[in-house]
C-alpha cells in the first residue's frame, strides 16, 4: 500500500489506505443508487 498508493500520492500510509476505501465505498453507493434512486 505504501509503495503503490501512498508514495505516488505523496501522502501518509493510513490516509492512502483510507482514500482507497473511500473510492470503493463511492462505487458501491452508485450500485445502491442504481436499484433505488
ModelCIF file with pLDDT and N, C-alpha, C, O atoms, coordinates in Angstrom:
data_MODEL
#
_entry.id   MODEL 
#
_entity.id                         1 
_entity.type                       polymer 
_entity.pdbx_number_of_molecules   1 
#
_entity_poly.entity_id                      1 
_entity_poly.type                           'polypeptide(L)' 
_entity_poly.nstd_linkage                   no 
_entity_poly.nstd_monomer                   no 
_entity_poly.pdbx_seq_one_letter_code       
;(UNK)(UNK)(UNK)(UNK)(UNK)(UNK)(UNK)(UNK)(UNK)(UNK)(UNK)(UNK)(UNK)(UNK)(UNK)(UNK)
(UNK)(UNK)(UNK)(UNK)(UNK)(UNK)(UNK)(UNK)(UNK)(UNK)(UNK)(UNK)(UNK)(UNK)(UNK)(UNK)
(UNK)(UNK)(UNK)(UNK)(UNK)
;
_entity_poly.pdbx_seq_one_letter_code_can   XXXXXXXXXXXXXXXXXXXXXXXXXXXXXXXXXXXXX 
_entity_poly.pdbx_strand_id                 A 
#
loop_
_entity_poly_seq.entity_id 
_entity_poly_seq.num 
_entity_poly_seq.mon_id 
_entity_poly_seq.hetero 
1 1  UNK n 
1 2  UNK n 
1 3  UNK n 
1 4  UNK n 
1 5  UNK n 
1 6  UNK n 
1 7  UNK n 
1 8  UNK n 
1 9  UNK n 
1 10 UNK n 
1 11 UNK n 
1 12 UNK n 
1 13 UNK n 
1 14 UNK n 
1 15 UNK n 
1 16 UNK n 
1 17 UNK n 
1 18 UNK n 
1 19 UNK n 
1 20 UNK n 
1 21 UNK n 
1 22 UNK n 
1 23 UNK n 
1 24 UNK n 
1 25 UNK n 
1 26 UNK n 
1 27 UNK n 
1 28 UNK n 
1 29 UNK n 
1 30 UNK n 
1 31 UNK n 
1 32 UNK n 
1 33 UNK n 
1 34 UNK n 
1 35 UNK n 
1 36 UNK n 
1 37 UNK n 
#
_struct_asym.id          A 
_struct_asym.entity_id   1 
#
loop_
_ma_qa_metric.id 
_ma_qa_metric.mode 
_ma_qa_metric.name 
_ma_qa_metric.software_group_id 
_ma_qa_metric.type 
1 global pLDDT . pLDDT 
2 local  pLDDT . pLDDT 
#
_ma_qa_metric_global.metric_id      1 
_ma_qa_metric_global.metric_value   93.03 
_ma_qa_metric_global.model_id       1 
_ma_qa_metric_global.ordinal_id     1 
#
loop_
_ma_qa_metric_local.label_asym_id 
_ma_qa_metric_local.label_comp_id 
_ma_qa_metric_local.label_seq_id 
_ma_qa_metric_local.metric_id 
_ma_qa_metric_local.metric_value 
_ma_qa_metric_local.model_id 
_ma_qa_metric_local.ordinal_id 
A UNK 1  2 95.00 1 1  
A UNK 2  2 95.00 1 2  
A UNK 3  2 95.00 1 3  
A UNK 4  2 95.00 1 4  
A UNK 5  2 94.00 1 5  
A UNK 6  2 95.00 1 6  
A UNK 7  2 95.00 1 7  
A UNK 8  2 95.00 1 8  
A UNK 9  2 94.00 1 9  
A UNK 10 2 94.00 1 10 
A UNK 11 2 95.00 1 11 
A UNK 12 2 94.00 1 12 
A UNK 13 2 96.00 1 13 
A UNK 14 2 95.00 1 14 
A UNK 15 2 96.00 1 15 
A UNK 16 2 96.00 1 16 
A UNK 17 2 96.00 1 17 
A UNK 18 2 96.00 1 18 
A UNK 19 2 96.00 1 19 
A UNK 20 2 95.00 1 20 
A UNK 21 2 96.00 1 21 
A UNK 22 2 96.00 1 22 
A UNK 23 2 95.00 1 23 
A UNK 24 2 94.00 1 24 
A UNK 25 2 95.00 1 25 
A UNK 26 2 93.00 1 26 
A UNK 27 2 90.00 1 27 
A UNK 28 2 92.00 1 28 
A UNK 29 2 92.00 1 29 
A UNK 30 2 89.00 1 30 
A UNK 31 2 87.00 1 31 
A UNK 32 2 90.00 1 32 
A UNK 33 2 89.00 1 33 
A UNK 34 2 83.00 1 34 
A UNK 35 2 85.00 1 35 
A UNK 36 2 87.00 1 36 
A UNK 37 2 87.00 1 37 
#
loop_
_atom_site.group_PDB 
_atom_site.id 
_atom_site.type_symbol 
_atom_site.label_atom_id 
_atom_site.label_alt_id 
_atom_site.label_comp_id 
_atom_site.label_asym_id 
_atom_site.label_entity_id 
_atom_site.label_seq_id 
_atom_site.pdbx_PDB_ins_code 
_atom_site.Cartn_x 
_atom_site.Cartn_y 
_atom_site.Cartn_z 
_atom_site.occupancy 
_atom_site.B_iso_or_equiv 
_atom_site.pdbx_formal_charge 
_atom_site.auth_seq_id 
_atom_site.auth_comp_id 
_atom_site.auth_asym_id 
_atom_site.auth_atom_id 
_atom_site.pdbx_PDB_model_num 
ATOM 1   N N  . UNK A 1 1  ? 0.836   -1.201 0.000   1.00 95.00 ? 1  UNK A N  1 
ATOM 2   C CA . UNK A 1 1  ? 0.000   0.000  0.000   1.00 95.00 ? 1  UNK A CA 1 
ATOM 3   C C  . UNK A 1 1  ? 0.871   1.251  0.000   1.00 95.00 ? 1  UNK A C  1 
ATOM 4   O O  . UNK A 1 1  ? 0.563   2.229  -0.683  1.00 95.00 ? 1  UNK A O  1 
ATOM 5   N N  . UNK A 1 2  ? 1.954   1.218  0.766   1.00 95.00 ? 2  UNK A N  1 
ATOM 6   C CA . UNK A 1 2  ? 2.838   2.382  0.823   1.00 95.00 ? 2  UNK A CA 1 
ATOM 7   C C  . UNK A 1 2  ? 3.475   2.655  -0.547  1.00 95.00 ? 2  UNK A C  1 
ATOM 8   O O  . UNK A 1 2  ? 3.455   3.787  -1.032  1.00 95.00 ? 2  UNK A O  1 
ATOM 9   N N  . UNK A 1 3  ? 4.039   1.608  -1.164  1.00 95.00 ? 3  UNK A N  1 
ATOM 10  C CA . UNK A 1 3  ? 4.776   1.790  -2.411  1.00 95.00 ? 3  UNK A CA 1 
ATOM 11  C C  . UNK A 1 3  ? 3.850   2.098  -3.581  1.00 95.00 ? 3  UNK A C  1 
ATOM 12  O O  . UNK A 1 3  ? 4.194   2.899  -4.450  1.00 95.00 ? 3  UNK A O  1 
ATOM 13  N N  . UNK A 1 4  ? 2.666   1.462  -3.611  1.00 95.00 ? 4  UNK A N  1 
ATOM 14  C CA . UNK A 1 4  ? 1.808   1.555  -4.791  1.00 95.00 ? 4  UNK A CA 1 
ATOM 15  C C  . UNK A 1 4  ? 0.739   2.632  -4.689  1.00 95.00 ? 4  UNK A C  1 
ATOM 16  O O  . UNK A 1 4  ? 0.179   3.041  -5.706  1.00 95.00 ? 4  UNK A O  1 
ATOM 17  N N  . UNK A 1 5  ? 0.443   3.102  -3.472  1.00 94.00 ? 5  UNK A N  1 
ATOM 18  C CA . UNK A 1 5  ? -0.633  4.081  -3.311  1.00 94.00 ? 5  UNK A CA 1 
ATOM 19  C C  . UNK A 1 5  ? -0.139  5.350  -2.606  1.00 94.00 ? 5  UNK A C  1 
ATOM 20  O O  . UNK A 1 5  ? -0.301  6.457  -3.120  1.00 94.00 ? 5  UNK A O  1 
ATOM 21  N N  . UNK A 1 6  ? 0.463   5.177  -1.426  1.00 95.00 ? 6  UNK A N  1 
ATOM 22  C CA . UNK A 1 6  ? 0.849   6.345  -0.627  1.00 95.00 ? 6  UNK A CA 1 
ATOM 23  C C  . UNK A 1 6  ? 1.937   7.175  -1.298  1.00 95.00 ? 6  UNK A C  1 
ATOM 24  O O  . UNK A 1 6  ? 1.809   8.395  -1.400  1.00 95.00 ? 6  UNK A O  1 
ATOM 25  N N  . UNK A 1 7  ? 3.001   6.527  -1.754  1.00 95.00 ? 7  UNK A N  1 
ATOM 26  C CA . UNK A 1 7  ? 4.104   7.277  -2.350  1.00 95.00 ? 7  UNK A CA 1 
ATOM 27  C C  . UNK A 1 7  ? 3.709   7.984  -3.645  1.00 95.00 ? 7  UNK A C  1 
ATOM 28  O O  . UNK A 1 7  ? 4.074   9.148  -3.813  1.00 95.00 ? 7  UNK A O  1 
ATOM 29  N N  . UNK A 1 8  ? 2.982   7.348  -4.573  1.00 95.00 ? 8  UNK A N  1 
ATOM 30  C CA . UNK A 1 8  ? 2.546   8.094  -5.762  1.00 95.00 ? 8  UNK A CA 1 
ATOM 31  C C  . UNK A 1 8  ? 1.675   9.300  -5.427  1.00 95.00 ? 8  UNK A C  1 
ATOM 32  O O  . UNK A 1 8  ? 1.717   10.309 -6.132  1.00 95.00 ? 8  UNK A O  1 
ATOM 33  N N  . UNK A 1 9  ? 0.883   9.205  -4.352  1.00 94.00 ? 9  UNK A N  1 
ATOM 34  C CA . UNK A 1 9  ? 0.024   10.327 -3.959  1.00 94.00 ? 9  UNK A CA 1 
ATOM 35  C C  . UNK A 1 9  ? 0.756   11.330 -3.072  1.00 94.00 ? 9  UNK A C  1 
ATOM 36  O O  . UNK A 1 9  ? 0.307   12.464 -2.905  1.00 94.00 ? 9  UNK A O  1 
ATOM 37  N N  . UNK A 1 10 ? 1.884   10.907 -2.507  1.00 94.00 ? 10 UNK A N  1 
ATOM 38  C CA . UNK A 1 10 ? 2.634   11.793 -1.622  1.00 94.00 ? 10 UNK A CA 1 
ATOM 39  C C  . UNK A 1 10 ? 1.937   12.050 -0.306  1.00 94.00 ? 10 UNK A C  1 
ATOM 40  O O  . UNK A 1 10 ? 1.995   13.159 0.225   1.00 94.00 ? 10 UNK A O  1 
ATOM 41  N N  . UNK A 1 11 ? 1.270   11.021 0.232   1.00 95.00 ? 11 UNK A N  1 
ATOM 42  C CA . UNK A 1 11 ? 0.532   11.184 1.492   1.00 95.00 ? 11 UNK A CA 1 
ATOM 43  C C  . UNK A 1 11 ? 0.890   10.059 2.449   1.00 95.00 ? 11 UNK A C  1 
ATOM 44  O O  . UNK A 1 11 ? 1.601   9.121  2.087   1.00 95.00 ? 11 UNK A O  1 
ATOM 45  N N  . UNK A 1 12 ? 0.385   10.165 3.686   1.00 94.00 ? 12 UNK A N  1 
ATOM 46  C CA . UNK A 1 12 ? 0.625   9.179  4.728   1.00 94.00 ? 12 UNK A CA 1 
ATOM 47  C C  . UNK A 1 12 ? 0.008   7.828  4.346   1.00 94.00 ? 12 UNK A C  1 
ATOM 48  O O  . UNK A 1 12 ? -0.975  7.767  3.608   1.00 94.00 ? 12 UNK A O  1 
ATOM 49  N N  . UNK A 1 13 ? 0.610   6.738  4.869   1.00 96.00 ? 13 UNK A N  1 
ATOM 50  C CA . UNK A 1 13 ? 0.154   5.377  4.569   1.00 96.00 ? 13 UNK A CA 1 
ATOM 51  C C  . UNK A 1 13 ? -1.315  5.181  4.902   1.00 96.00 ? 13 UNK A C  1 
ATOM 52  O O  . UNK A 1 13 ? -2.077  4.681  4.074   1.00 96.00 ? 13 UNK A O  1 
ATOM 53  N N  . UNK A 1 14 ? -1.724  5.572  6.110   1.00 95.00 ? 14 UNK A N  1 
ATOM 54  C CA . UNK A 1 14 ? -3.119  5.355  6.511   1.00 95.00 ? 14 UNK A CA 1 
ATOM 55  C C  . UNK A 1 14 ? -4.079  6.201  5.683   1.00 95.00 ? 14 UNK A C  1 
ATOM 56  O O  . UNK A 1 14 ? -5.166  5.741  5.335   1.00 95.00 ? 14 UNK A O  1 
ATOM 57  N N  . UNK A 1 15 ? -3.685  7.437  5.363   1.00 96.00 ? 15 UNK A N  1 
ATOM 58  C CA . UNK A 1 15 ? -4.554  8.279  4.537   1.00 96.00 ? 15 UNK A CA 1 
ATOM 59  C C  . UNK A 1 15 ? -4.717  7.677  3.144   1.00 96.00 ? 15 UNK A C  1 
ATOM 60  O O  . UNK A 1 15 ? -5.793  7.755  2.552   1.00 96.00 ? 15 UNK A O  1 
ATOM 61  N N  . UNK A 1 16 ? -3.647  7.075  2.624   1.00 96.00 ? 16 UNK A N  1 
ATOM 62  C CA . UNK A 1 16 ? -3.731  6.436  1.309   1.00 96.00 ? 16 UNK A CA 1 
ATOM 63  C C  . UNK A 1 16 ? -4.695  5.250  1.356   1.00 96.00 ? 16 UNK A C  1 
ATOM 64  O O  . UNK A 1 16 ? -5.527  5.087  0.464   1.00 96.00 ? 16 UNK A O  1 
ATOM 65  N N  . UNK A 1 17 ? -4.582  4.425  2.398   1.00 96.00 ? 17 UNK A N  1 
ATOM 66  C CA . UNK A 1 17 ? -5.479  3.274  2.535   1.00 96.00 ? 17 UNK A CA 1 
ATOM 67  C C  . UNK A 1 17 ? -6.925  3.731  2.700   1.00 96.00 ? 17 UNK A C  1 
ATOM 68  O O  . UNK A 1 17 ? -7.837  3.146  2.115   1.00 96.00 ? 17 UNK A O  1 
ATOM 69  N N  . UNK A 1 18 ? -7.134  4.787  3.506   1.00 96.00 ? 18 UNK A N  1 
ATOM 70  C CA . UNK A 1 18 ? -8.492  5.293  3.707   1.00 96.00 ? 18 UNK A CA 1 
ATOM 71  C C  . UNK A 1 18 ? -9.046  5.875  2.404   1.00 96.00 ? 18 UNK A C  1 
ATOM 72  O O  . UNK A 1 18 ? -10.240 5.761  2.127   1.00 96.00 ? 18 UNK A O  1 
ATOM 73  N N  . UNK A 1 19 ? -8.181  6.493  1.613   1.00 96.00 ? 19 UNK A N  1 
ATOM 74  C CA . UNK A 1 19 ? -8.623  7.007  0.321   1.00 96.00 ? 19 UNK A CA 1 
ATOM 75  C C  . UNK A 1 19 ? -9.103  5.897  -0.598  1.00 96.00 ? 19 UNK A C  1 
ATOM 76  O O  . UNK A 1 19 ? -10.102 6.059  -1.298  1.00 96.00 ? 19 UNK A O  1 
ATOM 77  N N  . UNK A 1 20 ? -8.388  4.750  -0.601  1.00 95.00 ? 20 UNK A N  1 
ATOM 78  C CA . UNK A 1 20 ? -8.813  3.623  -1.427  1.00 95.00 ? 20 UNK A CA 1 
ATOM 79  C C  . UNK A 1 20 ? -10.170 3.092  -0.977  1.00 95.00 ? 20 UNK A C  1 
ATOM 80  O O  . UNK A 1 20 ? -11.024 2.771  -1.804  1.00 95.00 ? 20 UNK A O  1 
ATOM 81  N N  . UNK A 1 21 ? -10.365 3.002  0.343   1.00 96.00 ? 21 UNK A N  1 
ATOM 82  C CA . UNK A 1 21 ? -11.657 2.544  0.865   1.00 96.00 ? 21 UNK A CA 1 
ATOM 83  C C  . UNK A 1 21 ? -12.761 3.532  0.487   1.00 96.00 ? 21 UNK A C  1 
ATOM 84  O O  . UNK A 1 21 ? -13.870 3.119  0.147   1.00 96.00 ? 21 UNK A O  1 
ATOM 85  N N  . UNK A 1 22 ? -12.468 4.831  0.542   1.00 96.00 ? 22 UNK A N  1 
ATOM 86  C CA . UNK A 1 22 ? -13.457 5.858  0.184   1.00 96.00 ? 22 UNK A CA 1 
ATOM 87  C C  . UNK A 1 22 ? -13.873 5.725  -1.275  1.00 96.00 ? 22 UNK A C  1 
ATOM 88  O O  . UNK A 1 22 ? -15.051 5.868  -1.602  1.00 96.00 ? 22 UNK A O  1 
ATOM 89  N N  . UNK A 1 23 ? -12.904 5.448  -2.160  1.00 95.00 ? 23 UNK A N  1 
ATOM 90  C CA . UNK A 1 23 ? -13.225 5.251  -3.581  1.00 95.00 ? 23 UNK A CA 1 
ATOM 91  C C  . UNK A 1 23 ? -14.118 4.028  -3.756  1.00 95.00 ? 23 UNK A C  1 
ATOM 92  O O  . UNK A 1 23 ? -15.098 4.074  -4.500  1.00 95.00 ? 23 UNK A O  1 
ATOM 93  N N  . UNK A 1 24 ? -13.781 2.931  -3.072  1.00 94.00 ? 24 UNK A N  1 
ATOM 94  C CA . UNK A 1 24 ? -14.591 1.716  -3.180  1.00 94.00 ? 24 UNK A CA 1 
ATOM 95  C C  . UNK A 1 24 ? -16.008 1.948  -2.659  1.00 94.00 ? 24 UNK A C  1 
ATOM 96  O O  . UNK A 1 24 ? -16.975 1.476  -3.256  1.00 94.00 ? 24 UNK A O  1 
ATOM 97  N N  . UNK A 1 25 ? -16.133 2.673  -1.552  1.00 95.00 ? 25 UNK A N  1 
ATOM 98  C CA . UNK A 1 25 ? -17.457 2.978  -0.998  1.00 95.00 ? 25 UNK A CA 1 
ATOM 99  C C  . UNK A 1 25 ? -18.266 3.812  -1.986  1.00 95.00 ? 25 UNK A C  1 
ATOM 100 O O  . UNK A 1 25 ? -19.465 3.586  -2.150  1.00 95.00 ? 25 UNK A O  1 
ATOM 101 N N  . UNK A 1 26 ? -17.621 4.773  -2.645  1.00 93.00 ? 26 UNK A N  1 
ATOM 102 C CA . UNK A 1 26 ? -18.327 5.594  -3.635  1.00 93.00 ? 26 UNK A CA 1 
ATOM 103 C C  . UNK A 1 26 ? -18.860 4.732  -4.774  1.00 93.00 ? 26 UNK A C  1 
ATOM 104 O O  . UNK A 1 26 ? -19.965 4.962  -5.264  1.00 93.00 ? 26 UNK A O  1 
ATOM 105 N N  . UNK A 1 27 ? -18.070 3.732  -5.199  1.00 90.00 ? 27 UNK A N  1 
ATOM 106 C CA . UNK A 1 27 ? -18.544 2.820  -6.248  1.00 90.00 ? 27 UNK A CA 1 
ATOM 107 C C  . UNK A 1 27 ? -19.771 2.047  -5.789  1.00 90.00 ? 27 UNK A C  1 
ATOM 108 O O  . UNK A 1 27 ? -20.716 1.852  -6.554  1.00 90.00 ? 27 UNK A O  1 
ATOM 109 N N  . UNK A 1 28 ? -19.751 1.605  -4.524  1.00 92.00 ? 28 UNK A N  1 
ATOM 110 C CA . UNK A 1 28 ? -20.875 0.826  -4.019  1.00 92.00 ? 28 UNK A CA 1 
ATOM 111 C C  . UNK A 1 28 ? -22.101 1.691  -3.755  1.00 92.00 ? 28 UNK A C  1 
ATOM 112 O O  . UNK A 1 28 ? -23.230 1.213  -3.867  1.00 92.00 ? 28 UNK A O  1 
ATOM 113 N N  . UNK A 1 29 ? -21.892 2.951  -3.407  1.00 92.00 ? 29 UNK A N  1 
ATOM 114 C CA . UNK A 1 29 ? -23.016 3.887  -3.287  1.00 92.00 ? 29 UNK A CA 1 
ATOM 115 C C  . UNK A 1 29 ? -23.727 4.006  -4.626  1.00 92.00 ? 29 UNK A C  1 
ATOM 116 O O  . UNK A 1 29 ? -24.956 4.044  -4.689  1.00 92.00 ? 29 UNK A O  1 
ATOM 117 N N  . UNK A 1 30 ? -22.944 4.064  -5.692  1.00 89.00 ? 30 UNK A N  1 
ATOM 118 C CA . UNK A 1 30 ? -23.540 4.132  -7.038  1.00 89.00 ? 30 UNK A CA 1 
ATOM 119 C C  . UNK A 1 30 ? -24.356 2.883  -7.337  1.00 89.00 ? 30 UNK A C  1 
ATOM 120 O O  . UNK A 1 30 ? -25.414 2.966  -7.960  1.00 89.00 ? 30 UNK A O  1 
ATOM 121 N N  . UNK A 1 31 ? -23.867 1.720  -6.893  1.00 87.00 ? 31 UNK A N  1 
ATOM 122 C CA . UNK A 1 31 ? -24.614 0.482  -7.104  1.00 87.00 ? 31 UNK A CA 1 
ATOM 123 C C  . UNK A 1 31 ? -25.932 0.499  -6.339  1.00 87.00 ? 31 UNK A C  1 
ATOM 124 O O  . UNK A 1 31 ? -26.955 0.054  -6.860  1.00 87.00 ? 31 UNK A O  1 
ATOM 125 N N  . UNK A 1 32 ? -25.919 1.008  -5.105  1.00 90.00 ? 32 UNK A N  1 
ATOM 126 C CA . UNK A 1 32 ? -27.161 1.108  -4.327  1.00 90.00 ? 32 UNK A CA 1 
ATOM 127 C C  . UNK A 1 32 ? -28.130 2.066  -5.005  1.00 90.00 ? 32 UNK A C  1 
ATOM 128 O O  . UNK A 1 32 ? -29.330 1.799  -5.063  1.00 90.00 ? 32 UNK A O  1 
ATOM 129 N N  . UNK A 1 33 ? -27.620 3.173  -5.515  1.00 89.00 ? 33 UNK A N  1 
ATOM 130 C CA . UNK A 1 33 ? -28.488 4.128  -6.213  1.00 89.00 ? 33 UNK A CA 1 
ATOM 131 C C  . UNK A 1 33 ? -29.119 3.499  -7.457  1.00 89.00 ? 33 UNK A C  1 
ATOM 132 O O  . UNK A 1 33 ? -30.248 3.832  -7.819  1.00 89.00 ? 33 UNK A O  1 
ATOM 133 N N  . UNK A 1 34 ? -28.397 2.600  -8.104  1.00 83.00 ? 34 UNK A N  1 
ATOM 134 C CA . UNK A 1 34 ? -28.925 2.009  -9.337  1.00 83.00 ? 34 UNK A CA 1 
ATOM 135 C C  . UNK A 1 34 ? -30.171 1.172  -9.086  1.00 83.00 ? 34 UNK A C  1 
ATOM 136 O O  . UNK A 1 34 ? -30.966 0.964  -10.002 1.00 83.00 ? 34 UNK A O  1 
ATOM 137 N N  . UNK A 1 35 ? -30.355 0.683  -7.850  1.00 85.00 ? 35 UNK A N  1 
ATOM 138 C CA . UNK A 1 35 ? -31.568 -0.083 -7.546  1.00 85.00 ? 35 UNK A CA 1 
ATOM 139 C C  . UNK A 1 35 ? -32.561 0.732  -6.731  1.00 85.00 ? 35 UNK A C  1 
ATOM 140 O O  . UNK A 1 35 ? -33.628 0.225  -6.386  1.00 85.00 ? 35 UNK A O  1 
ATOM 141 N N  . UNK A 1 36 ? -32.239 1.982  -6.416  1.00 87.00 ? 36 UNK A N  1 
ATOM 142 C CA . UNK A 1 36 ? -33.139 2.797  -5.590  1.00 87.00 ? 36 UNK A CA 1 
ATOM 143 C C  . UNK A 1 36 ? -33.433 4.143  -6.252  1.00 87.00 ? 36 UNK A C  1 
ATOM 144 O O  . UNK A 1 36 ? -34.450 4.279  -6.933  1.00 87.00 ? 36 UNK A O  1 
ATOM 145 N N  . UNK A 1 37 ? -32.575 5.128  -6.069  1.00 87.00 ? 37 UNK A N  1 
ATOM 146 C CA . UNK A 1 37 ? -32.881 6.470  -6.573  1.00 87.00 ? 37 UNK A CA 1 
ATOM 147 C C  . UNK A 1 37 ? -33.053 6.498  -8.083  1.00 87.00 ? 37 UNK A C  1 
ATOM 148 O O  . UNK A 1 37 ? -33.313 7.556  -8.656  1.00 87.00 ? 37 UNK A O  1 
#
